[in-house]
PDB file of all heavy atoms in Angstrom:
ATOM      1  N   ARG A   1     -91.055  -1.552  -3.158  1.00  0.00           N
ATOM      2  CA  ARG A   1     -89.651  -1.143  -3.082  1.00  0.00           C
ATOM      3  C   ARG A   1     -88.968  -1.127  -4.438  1.00  0.00           C
ATOM      4  O   ARG A   1     -87.948  -0.459  -4.591  1.00  0.00           O
ATOM      5  CB  ARG A   1     -88.879  -2.072  -2.148  1.00  0.00           C
ATOM      6  CG  ARG A   1     -89.375  -2.072  -0.701  1.00  0.00           C
ATOM      7  CD  ARG A   1     -88.433  -2.854   0.212  1.00  0.00           C
ATOM      8  NE  ARG A   1     -88.314  -4.243  -0.202  1.00  0.00           N
ATOM      9  CZ  ARG A   1     -87.232  -4.783  -0.764  1.00  0.00           C
ATOM     10  NH1 ARG A   1     -86.146  -4.038  -0.967  1.00  0.00           N
ATOM     11  NH2 ARG A   1     -87.211  -6.057  -1.102  1.00  0.00           N
ATOM     12  N   PHE A   2     -89.492  -1.883  -5.391  1.00  0.00           N
ATOM     13  CA  PHE A   2     -88.925  -1.964  -6.731  1.00  0.00           C
ATOM     14  C   PHE A   2     -89.914  -1.424  -7.748  1.00  0.00           C
ATOM     15  O   PHE A   2     -91.137  -1.519  -7.569  1.00  0.00           O
ATOM     16  CB  PHE A   2     -88.586  -3.411  -7.100  1.00  0.00           C
ATOM     17  CG  PHE A   2     -87.312  -3.938  -6.486  1.00  0.00           C
ATOM     18  CD1 PHE A   2     -87.172  -4.038  -5.116  1.00  0.00           C
ATOM     19  CD2 PHE A   2     -86.269  -4.352  -7.295  1.00  0.00           C
ATOM     20  CE1 PHE A   2     -86.015  -4.528  -4.542  1.00  0.00           C
ATOM     21  CE2 PHE A   2     -85.103  -4.854  -6.737  1.00  0.00           C
ATOM     22  CZ  PHE A   2     -84.974  -4.943  -5.367  1.00  0.00           C
ATOM     23  N   THR A   3     -89.379  -0.891  -8.827  1.00  0.00           N
ATOM     24  CA  THR A   3     -90.192  -0.417  -9.931  1.00  0.00           C
ATOM     25  C   THR A   3     -89.588  -0.880 -11.243  1.00  0.00           C
ATOM     26  O   THR A   3     -88.390  -0.696 -11.469  1.00  0.00           O
ATOM     27  CB  THR A   3     -90.302   1.114  -9.945  1.00  0.00           C
ATOM     28  OG1 THR A   3     -90.885   1.567  -8.723  1.00  0.00           O
ATOM     29  CG2 THR A   3     -91.185   1.576 -11.106  1.00  0.00           C
ATOM     30  N   ILE A   4     -90.410  -1.490 -12.091  1.00  0.00           N
ATOM     31  CA  ILE A   4     -89.973  -1.863 -13.426  1.00  0.00           C
ATOM     32  C   ILE A   4     -90.617  -0.903 -14.413  1.00  0.00           C
ATOM     33  O   ILE A   4     -91.788  -0.541 -14.276  1.00  0.00           O
ATOM     34  CB  ILE A   4     -90.319  -3.329 -13.762  1.00  0.00           C
ATOM     35  CG1 ILE A   4     -89.689  -3.742 -15.098  1.00  0.00           C
ATOM     36  CG2 ILE A   4     -91.822  -3.560 -13.772  1.00  0.00           C
ATOM     37  CD1 ILE A   4     -89.779  -5.239 -15.379  1.00  0.00           C
ATOM     38  N   SER A   5     -89.853  -0.476 -15.401  1.00  0.00           N
ATOM     39  CA  SER A   5     -90.353   0.469 -16.382  1.00  0.00           C
ATOM     40  C   SER A   5     -89.651   0.243 -17.715  1.00  0.00           C
ATOM     41  O   SER A   5     -88.735  -0.574 -17.822  1.00  0.00           O
ATOM     42  CB  SER A   5     -90.151   1.912 -15.903  1.00  0.00           C
ATOM     43  OG  SER A   5     -88.780   2.186 -15.694  1.00  0.00           O
ATOM     44  N   ARG A   6     -90.067   0.972 -18.727  1.00  0.00           N
ATOM     45  CA  ARG A   6     -89.476   0.846 -20.056  1.00  0.00           C
ATOM     46  C   ARG A   6     -89.420   2.204 -20.742  1.00  0.00           C
ATOM     47  O   ARG A   6     -90.125   3.139 -20.345  1.00  0.00           O
ATOM     48  CB  ARG A   6     -90.274  -0.137 -20.908  1.00  0.00           C
ATOM     49  CG  ARG A   6     -91.680   0.355 -21.216  1.00  0.00           C
ATOM     50  CD  ARG A   6     -92.494  -0.672 -21.954  1.00  0.00           C
ATOM     51  NE  ARG A   6     -93.827  -0.175 -22.279  1.00  0.00           N
ATOM     52  CZ  ARG A   6     -94.790  -0.899 -22.798  1.00  0.00           C
ATOM     53  NH1 ARG A   6     -94.583  -2.192 -23.062  1.00  0.00           N
ATOM     54  NH2 ARG A   6     -95.962  -0.356 -23.061  1.00  0.00           N
ATOM     55  N   ASP A   7     -88.584   2.296 -21.774  1.00  0.00           N
ATOM     56  CA  ASP A   7     -88.524   3.534 -22.527  1.00  0.00           C
ATOM     57  C   ASP A   7     -89.644   3.563 -23.561  1.00  0.00           C
ATOM     58  O   ASP A   7     -90.359   2.585 -23.771  1.00  0.00           O
ATOM     59  CB  ASP A   7     -87.145   3.713 -23.174  1.00  0.00           C
ATOM     60  CG  ASP A   7     -86.837   2.651 -24.223  1.00  0.00           C
ATOM     61  OD1 ASP A   7     -87.654   1.746 -24.446  1.00  0.00           O
ATOM     62  OD2 ASP A   7     -85.751   2.739 -24.831  1.00  0.00           O
ATOM     63  N   ASN A   8     -89.783   4.693 -24.236  1.00  0.00           N
ATOM     64  CA  ASN A   8     -90.882   4.861 -25.184  1.00  0.00           C
ATOM     65  C   ASN A   8     -90.780   3.924 -26.382  1.00  0.00           C
ATOM     66  O   ASN A   8     -91.800   3.523 -26.946  1.00  0.00           O
ATOM     67  CB  ASN A   8     -90.942   6.308 -25.668  1.00  0.00           C
ATOM     68  CG  ASN A   8     -91.359   7.263 -24.580  1.00  0.00           C
ATOM     69  OD1 ASN A   8     -92.062   6.890 -23.641  1.00  0.00           O
ATOM     70  ND2 ASN A   8     -90.941   8.517 -24.698  1.00  0.00           N
ATOM     71  N   ALA A   9     -89.571   3.579 -26.770  1.00  0.00           N
ATOM     72  CA  ALA A   9     -89.362   2.689 -27.904  1.00  0.00           C
ATOM     73  C   ALA A   9     -89.536   1.225 -27.534  1.00  0.00           C
ATOM     74  O   ALA A   9     -89.482   0.358 -28.402  1.00  0.00           O
ATOM     75  CB  ALA A   9     -87.976   2.910 -28.498  1.00  0.00           C
ATOM     76  N   LYS A  10     -89.709   0.954 -26.262  1.00  0.00           N
ATOM     77  CA  LYS A  10     -89.864  -0.405 -25.739  1.00  0.00           C
ATOM     78  C   LYS A  10     -88.639  -1.268 -25.983  1.00  0.00           C
ATOM     79  O   LYS A  10     -88.723  -2.492 -26.003  1.00  0.00           O
ATOM     80  CB  LYS A  10     -91.101  -1.077 -26.333  1.00  0.00           C
ATOM     81  CG  LYS A  10     -92.403  -0.351 -26.055  1.00  0.00           C
ATOM     82  CD  LYS A  10     -93.591  -1.095 -26.653  1.00  0.00           C
ATOM     83  CE  LYS A  10     -94.896  -0.358 -26.390  1.00  0.00           C
ATOM     84  NZ  LYS A  10     -96.057  -1.083 -26.969  1.00  0.00           N
ATOM     85  N   SER A  11     -87.501  -0.635 -26.147  1.00  0.00           N
ATOM     86  CA  SER A  11     -86.265  -1.366 -26.394  1.00  0.00           C
ATOM     87  C   SER A  11     -85.418  -1.538 -25.140  1.00  0.00           C
ATOM     88  O   SER A  11     -84.468  -2.317 -25.143  1.00  0.00           O
ATOM     89  CB  SER A  11     -85.444  -0.666 -27.480  1.00  0.00           C
ATOM     90  OG  SER A  11     -85.077   0.638 -27.070  1.00  0.00           O
ATOM     91  N   THR A  12     -85.744  -0.811 -24.097  1.00  0.00           N
ATOM     92  CA  THR A  12     -84.988  -0.872 -22.859  1.00  0.00           C
ATOM     93  C   THR A  12     -85.934  -0.939 -21.672  1.00  0.00           C
ATOM     94  O   THR A  12     -86.912  -0.191 -21.614  1.00  0.00           O
ATOM     95  CB  THR A  12     -84.070   0.347 -22.704  1.00  0.00           C
ATOM     96  OG1 THR A  12     -83.222   0.473 -23.853  1.00  0.00           O
ATOM     97  CG2 THR A  12     -83.191   0.201 -21.472  1.00  0.00           C
ATOM     98  N   VAL A  13     -85.655  -1.835 -20.758  1.00  0.00           N
ATOM     99  CA  VAL A  13     -86.411  -1.907 -19.514  1.00  0.00           C
ATOM    100  C   VAL A  13     -85.484  -1.595 -18.355  1.00  0.00           C
ATOM    101  O   VAL A  13     -84.282  -1.835 -18.418  1.00  0.00           O
ATOM    102  CB  VAL A  13     -87.088  -3.280 -19.321  1.00  0.00           C
ATOM    103  CG1 VAL A  13     -88.137  -3.516 -20.397  1.00  0.00           C
ATOM    104  CG2 VAL A  13     -86.053  -4.397 -19.324  1.00  0.00           C
ATOM    105  N   PHE A  14     -86.062  -1.075 -17.295  1.00  0.00           N
ATOM    106  CA  PHE A  14     -85.307  -0.654 -16.136  1.00  0.00           C
ATOM    107  C   PHE A  14     -85.864  -1.312 -14.883  1.00  0.00           C
ATOM    108  O   PHE A  14     -87.040  -1.644 -14.806  1.00  0.00           O
ATOM    109  CB  PHE A  14     -85.364   0.864 -15.978  1.00  0.00           C
ATOM    110  CG  PHE A  14     -84.960   1.624 -17.198  1.00  0.00           C
ATOM    111  CD1 PHE A  14     -85.907   2.038 -18.122  1.00  0.00           C
ATOM    112  CD2 PHE A  14     -83.628   1.922 -17.432  1.00  0.00           C
ATOM    113  CE1 PHE A  14     -85.547   2.731 -19.251  1.00  0.00           C
ATOM    114  CE2 PHE A  14     -83.245   2.621 -18.563  1.00  0.00           C
ATOM    115  CZ  PHE A  14     -84.203   3.030 -19.478  1.00  0.00           C
ATOM    116  N   LEU A  15     -85.005  -1.482 -13.924  1.00  0.00           N
ATOM    117  CA  LEU A  15     -85.399  -1.947 -12.610  1.00  0.00           C
ATOM    118  C   LEU A  15     -84.790  -1.007 -11.583  1.00  0.00           C
ATOM    119  O   LEU A  15     -83.571  -0.843 -11.554  1.00  0.00           O
ATOM    120  CB  LEU A  15     -84.933  -3.383 -12.355  1.00  0.00           C
ATOM    121  CG  LEU A  15     -85.380  -4.000 -11.022  1.00  0.00           C
ATOM    122  CD1 LEU A  15     -86.884  -4.240 -11.027  1.00  0.00           C
ATOM    123  CD2 LEU A  15     -84.634  -5.304 -10.751  1.00  0.00           C
ATOM    124  N   GLN A  16     -85.629  -0.392 -10.767  1.00  0.00           N
ATOM    125  CA  GLN A  16     -85.166   0.584  -9.799  1.00  0.00           C
ATOM    126  C   GLN A  16     -85.606   0.219  -8.390  1.00  0.00           C
ATOM    127  O   GLN A  16     -86.682  -0.353  -8.191  1.00  0.00           O
ATOM    128  CB  GLN A  16     -85.708   1.977 -10.137  1.00  0.00           C
ATOM    129  CG  GLN A  16     -85.318   2.496 -11.498  1.00  0.00           C
ATOM    130  CD  GLN A  16     -85.912   3.855 -11.769  1.00  0.00           C
ATOM    131  OE1 GLN A  16     -85.388   4.882 -11.321  1.00  0.00           O
ATOM    132  NE2 GLN A  16     -87.025   3.876 -12.492  1.00  0.00           N
ATOM    133  N   SER A  17     -84.769   0.558  -7.451  1.00  0.00           N
ATOM    134  CA  SER A  17     -85.099   0.393  -6.049  1.00  0.00           C
ATOM    135  C   SER A  17     -84.366   1.452  -5.252  1.00  0.00           C
ATOM    136  O   SER A  17     -83.251   1.833  -5.597  1.00  0.00           O
ATOM    137  CB  SER A  17     -84.709  -0.992  -5.541  1.00  0.00           C
ATOM    138  OG  SER A  17     -84.934  -1.107  -4.150  1.00  0.00           O
ATOM    139  N   ASN A  18     -84.992   1.919  -4.186  1.00  0.00           N
ATOM    140  CA  ASN A  18     -84.337   2.874  -3.298  1.00  0.00           C
ATOM    141  C   ASN A  18     -84.155   2.313  -1.893  1.00  0.00           C
ATOM    142  O   ASN A  18     -83.861   3.061  -0.958  1.00  0.00           O
ATOM    143  CB  ASN A  18     -85.120   4.187  -3.238  1.00  0.00           C
ATOM    144  CG  ASN A  18     -86.547   4.005  -2.758  1.00  0.00           C
ATOM    145  OD1 ASN A  18     -86.951   2.929  -2.332  1.00  0.00           O
ATOM    146  ND2 ASN A  18     -87.330   5.076  -2.840  1.00  0.00           N
ATOM    147  N   SER A  19     -84.303   1.000  -1.762  1.00  0.00           N
ATOM    148  CA  SER A  19     -84.203   0.387  -0.445  1.00  0.00           C
ATOM    149  C   SER A  19     -83.763  -1.063  -0.548  1.00  0.00           C
ATOM    150  O   SER A  19     -84.487  -1.975  -0.151  1.00  0.00           O
ATOM    151  CB  SER A  19     -85.536   0.494   0.296  1.00  0.00           C
ATOM    152  OG  SER A  19     -86.593  -0.077  -0.469  1.00  0.00           O
ATOM    153  N   LEU A  20     -82.588  -1.274  -1.053  1.00  0.00           N
ATOM    154  CA  LEU A  20     -82.070  -2.624  -1.212  1.00  0.00           C
ATOM    155  C   LEU A  20     -81.746  -3.262   0.127  1.00  0.00           C
ATOM    156  O   LEU A  20     -81.240  -2.599   1.036  1.00  0.00           O
ATOM    157  CB  LEU A  20     -80.822  -2.626  -2.088  1.00  0.00           C
ATOM    158  CG  LEU A  20     -81.031  -2.501  -3.596  1.00  0.00           C
ATOM    159  CD1 LEU A  20     -79.675  -2.463  -4.289  1.00  0.00           C
ATOM    160  CD2 LEU A  20     -81.856  -3.657  -4.131  1.00  0.00           C
ATOM    161  N   LYS A  21     -82.008  -4.545   0.213  1.00  0.00           N
ATOM    162  CA  LYS A  21     -81.702  -5.323   1.394  1.00  0.00           C
ATOM    163  C   LYS A  21     -80.478  -6.195   1.134  1.00  0.00           C
ATOM    164  O   LYS A  21     -80.233  -6.602   0.005  1.00  0.00           O
ATOM    165  CB  LYS A  21     -82.885  -6.216   1.780  1.00  0.00           C
ATOM    166  CG  LYS A  21     -84.156  -5.466   2.111  1.00  0.00           C
ATOM    167  CD  LYS A  21     -85.279  -6.430   2.421  1.00  0.00           C
ATOM    168  CE  LYS A  21     -86.556  -5.708   2.780  1.00  0.00           C
ATOM    169  NZ  LYS A  21     -87.662  -6.650   3.079  1.00  0.00           N
ATOM    170  N   PRO A  22     -79.710  -6.528   2.176  1.00  0.00           N
ATOM    171  CA  PRO A  22     -78.533  -7.381   1.988  1.00  0.00           C
ATOM    172  C   PRO A  22     -78.854  -8.722   1.342  1.00  0.00           C
ATOM    173  O   PRO A  22     -78.041  -9.240   0.570  1.00  0.00           O
ATOM    174  CB  PRO A  22     -78.007  -7.561   3.423  1.00  0.00           C
ATOM    175  CG  PRO A  22     -78.424  -6.322   4.129  1.00  0.00           C
ATOM    176  CD  PRO A  22     -79.782  -6.001   3.562  1.00  0.00           C
ATOM    177  N   VAL A  23     -80.026  -9.289   1.635  1.00  0.00           N
ATOM    178  CA  VAL A  23     -80.399 -10.580   1.066  1.00  0.00           C
ATOM    179  C   VAL A  23     -80.663 -10.499  -0.428  1.00  0.00           C
ATOM    180  O   VAL A  23     -80.817 -11.529  -1.084  1.00  0.00           O
ATOM    181  CB  VAL A  23     -81.640 -11.174   1.768  1.00  0.00           C
ATOM    182  CG1 VAL A  23     -81.328 -11.484   3.219  1.00  0.00           C
ATOM    183  CG2 VAL A  23     -82.825 -10.226   1.668  1.00  0.00           C
ATOM    184  N   GLU A  24     -80.721  -9.301  -0.961  1.00  0.00           N
ATOM    185  CA  GLU A  24     -80.977  -9.125  -2.381  1.00  0.00           C
ATOM    186  C   GLU A  24     -79.699  -9.054  -3.210  1.00  0.00           C
ATOM    187  O   GLU A  24     -79.739  -8.726  -4.397  1.00  0.00           O
ATOM    188  CB  GLU A  24     -81.858  -7.894  -2.596  1.00  0.00           C
ATOM    189  CG  GLU A  24     -83.256  -8.107  -2.035  1.00  0.00           C
ATOM    190  CD  GLU A  24     -84.147  -6.888  -2.058  1.00  0.00           C
ATOM    191  OE1 GLU A  24     -83.641  -5.765  -1.804  1.00  0.00           O
ATOM    192  OE2 GLU A  24     -85.348  -7.056  -2.322  1.00  0.00           O
ATOM    193  N   LYS A  25     -78.585  -9.370  -2.586  1.00  0.00           N
ATOM    194  CA  LYS A  25     -77.348  -9.555  -3.327  1.00  0.00           C
ATOM    195  C   LYS A  25     -77.522 -10.758  -4.240  1.00  0.00           C
ATOM    196  O   LYS A  25     -77.850 -11.854  -3.787  1.00  0.00           O
ATOM    197  CB  LYS A  25     -76.183  -9.790  -2.363  1.00  0.00           C
ATOM    198  CG  LYS A  25     -74.877 -10.141  -3.055  1.00  0.00           C
ATOM    199  CD  LYS A  25     -73.798 -10.470  -2.044  1.00  0.00           C
ATOM    200  CE  LYS A  25     -72.520 -10.903  -2.732  1.00  0.00           C
ATOM    201  NZ  LYS A  25     -71.459 -11.258  -1.752  1.00  0.00           N
ATOM    202  N   ALA A  26     -77.315 -10.560  -5.526  1.00  0.00           N
ATOM    203  CA  ALA A  26     -77.533 -11.621  -6.494  1.00  0.00           C
ATOM    204  C   ALA A  26     -77.073 -11.162  -7.866  1.00  0.00           C
ATOM    205  O   ALA A  26     -76.766  -9.988  -8.080  1.00  0.00           O
ATOM    206  CB  ALA A  26     -79.013 -12.000  -6.543  1.00  0.00           C
ATOM    207  N   VAL A  27     -77.050 -12.114  -8.788  1.00  0.00           N
ATOM    208  CA  VAL A  27     -76.892 -11.770 -10.188  1.00  0.00           C
ATOM    209  C   VAL A  27     -78.288 -11.528 -10.744  1.00  0.00           C
ATOM    210  O   VAL A  27     -79.163 -12.379 -10.616  1.00  0.00           O
ATOM    211  CB  VAL A  27     -76.184 -12.882 -10.979  1.00  0.00           C
ATOM    212  CG1 VAL A  27     -76.104 -12.517 -12.459  1.00  0.00           C
ATOM    213  CG2 VAL A  27     -74.793 -13.125 -10.422  1.00  0.00           C
ATOM    214  N   TYR A  28     -78.476 -10.380 -11.327  1.00  0.00           N
ATOM    215  CA  TYR A  28     -79.774 -10.017 -11.877  1.00  0.00           C
ATOM    216  C   TYR A  28     -79.761 -10.227 -13.383  1.00  0.00           C
ATOM    217  O   TYR A  28     -78.866  -9.760 -14.090  1.00  0.00           O
ATOM    218  CB  TYR A  28     -80.104  -8.561 -11.547  1.00  0.00           C
ATOM    219  CG  TYR A  28     -80.540  -8.366 -10.116  1.00  0.00           C
ATOM    220  CD1 TYR A  28     -79.626  -8.510  -9.069  1.00  0.00           C
ATOM    221  CD2 TYR A  28     -81.861  -8.061  -9.799  1.00  0.00           C
ATOM    222  CE1 TYR A  28     -80.021  -8.361  -7.753  1.00  0.00           C
ATOM    223  CE2 TYR A  28     -82.259  -7.899  -8.480  1.00  0.00           C
ATOM    224  CZ  TYR A  28     -81.337  -8.055  -7.462  1.00  0.00           C
ATOM    225  OH  TYR A  28     -81.740  -7.895  -6.153  1.00  0.00           O
ATOM    226  N   TYR A  29     -80.776 -10.939 -13.881  1.00  0.00           N
ATOM    227  CA  TYR A  29     -80.876 -11.289 -15.287  1.00  0.00           C
ATOM    228  C   TYR A  29     -82.107 -10.664 -15.919  1.00  0.00           C
ATOM    229  O   TYR A  29     -83.175 -10.611 -15.306  1.00  0.00           O
ATOM    230  CB  TYR A  29     -80.970 -12.805 -15.467  1.00  0.00           C
ATOM    231  CG  TYR A  29     -79.764 -13.577 -15.012  1.00  0.00           C
ATOM    232  CD1 TYR A  29     -79.675 -14.065 -13.714  1.00  0.00           C
ATOM    233  CD2 TYR A  29     -78.708 -13.842 -15.885  1.00  0.00           C
ATOM    234  CE1 TYR A  29     -78.571 -14.787 -13.292  1.00  0.00           C
ATOM    235  CE2 TYR A  29     -77.609 -14.561 -15.474  1.00  0.00           C
ATOM    236  CZ  TYR A  29     -77.541 -15.031 -14.174  1.00  0.00           C
ATOM    237  OH  TYR A  29     -76.445 -15.752 -13.760  1.00  0.00           O
ATOM    238  N   CYS A  30     -81.953 -10.233 -17.140  1.00  0.00           N
ATOM    239  CA  CYS A  30     -83.066  -9.750 -17.936  1.00  0.00           C
ATOM    240  C   CYS A  30     -83.587 -10.882 -18.813  1.00  0.00           C
ATOM    241  O   CYS A  30     -82.804 -11.656 -19.362  1.00  0.00           O
ATOM    242  CB  CYS A  30     -82.603  -8.571 -18.800  1.00  0.00           C
ATOM    243  SG  CYS A  30     -83.893  -7.832 -19.833  1.00  0.00           S
ATOM    244  N   ARG A  31     -84.897 -10.970 -18.938  1.00  0.00           N
ATOM    245  CA  ARG A  31     -85.517 -11.989 -19.776  1.00  0.00           C
ATOM    246  C   ARG A  31     -86.539 -11.360 -20.704  1.00  0.00           C
ATOM    247  O   ARG A  31     -87.284 -10.458 -20.308  1.00  0.00           O
ATOM    248  CB  ARG A  31     -86.201 -13.059 -18.920  1.00  0.00           C
ATOM    249  CG  ARG A  31     -86.764 -14.217 -19.742  1.00  0.00           C
ATOM    250  CD  ARG A  31     -87.621 -15.146 -18.911  1.00  0.00           C
ATOM    251  NE  ARG A  31     -88.908 -14.562 -18.561  1.00  0.00           N
ATOM    252  CZ  ARG A  31     -89.915 -15.244 -18.027  1.00  0.00           C
ATOM    253  NH1 ARG A  31     -89.782 -16.536 -17.768  1.00  0.00           N
ATOM    254  NH2 ARG A  31     -91.045 -14.625 -17.725  1.00  0.00           N
ATOM    255  N   ALA A  32     -86.587 -11.859 -21.927  1.00  0.00           N
ATOM    256  CA  ALA A  32     -87.592 -11.440 -22.894  1.00  0.00           C
ATOM    257  C   ALA A  32     -88.299 -12.667 -23.441  1.00  0.00           C
ATOM    258  O   ALA A  32     -87.663 -13.684 -23.730  1.00  0.00           O
ATOM    259  CB  ALA A  32     -86.960 -10.648 -24.030  1.00  0.00           C
ATOM    260  N   LYS A  33     -89.600 -12.563 -23.576  1.00  0.00           N
ATOM    261  CA  LYS A  33     -90.403 -13.622 -24.169  1.00  0.00           C
ATOM    262  C   LYS A  33     -91.013 -13.110 -25.465  1.00  0.00           C
ATOM    263  O   LYS A  33     -91.524 -11.997 -25.515  1.00  0.00           O
ATOM    264  CB  LYS A  33     -91.504 -14.071 -23.210  1.00  0.00           C
ATOM    265  CG  LYS A  33     -90.995 -14.693 -21.925  1.00  0.00           C
ATOM    266  CD  LYS A  33     -92.132 -15.050 -20.978  1.00  0.00           C
ATOM    267  CE  LYS A  33     -93.021 -16.142 -21.533  1.00  0.00           C
ATOM    268  NZ  LYS A  33     -94.089 -16.537 -20.571  1.00  0.00           N
ATOM    269  N   THR A  34     -90.943 -13.946 -26.489  1.00  0.00           N
ATOM    270  CA  THR A  34     -91.487 -13.569 -27.782  1.00  0.00           C
ATOM    271  C   THR A  34     -92.524 -14.584 -28.234  1.00  0.00           C
ATOM    272  O   THR A  34     -92.509 -15.747 -27.817  1.00  0.00           O
ATOM    273  CB  THR A  34     -90.397 -13.479 -28.861  1.00  0.00           C
ATOM    274  OG1 THR A  34     -89.793 -14.766 -29.054  1.00  0.00           O
ATOM    275  CG2 THR A  34     -89.326 -12.474 -28.463  1.00  0.00           C
ATOM    276  N   ARG A  35     -93.403 -14.122 -29.089  1.00  0.00           N
ATOM    277  CA  ARG A  35     -94.388 -14.993 -29.703  1.00  0.00           C
ATOM    278  C   ARG A  35     -94.451 -14.644 -31.185  1.00  0.00           C
ATOM    279  O   ARG A  35     -94.874 -13.548 -31.555  1.00  0.00           O
ATOM    280  CB  ARG A  35     -95.759 -14.840 -29.059  1.00  0.00           C
ATOM    281  CG  ARG A  35     -96.778 -15.858 -29.559  1.00  0.00           C
ATOM    282  CD  ARG A  35     -98.103 -15.745 -28.818  1.00  0.00           C
ATOM    283  NE  ARG A  35     -99.066 -16.708 -29.280  1.00  0.00           N
ATOM    284  CZ  ARG A  35     -99.176 -17.956 -28.814  1.00  0.00           C
ATOM    285  NH1 ARG A  35     -98.367 -18.374 -27.856  1.00  0.00           N
ATOM    286  NH2 ARG A  35    -100.092 -18.787 -29.307  1.00  0.00           N
TER     287      ARG A  35
END
């Protein structure tokens, strides 16, 4: 139901869904991990 993707520059990520459920009401946070 969800798809995560990124742009060619790898500077932006996306989260898409076409079938959200009521229980998925929430604050959505982006996280990045570096090494």
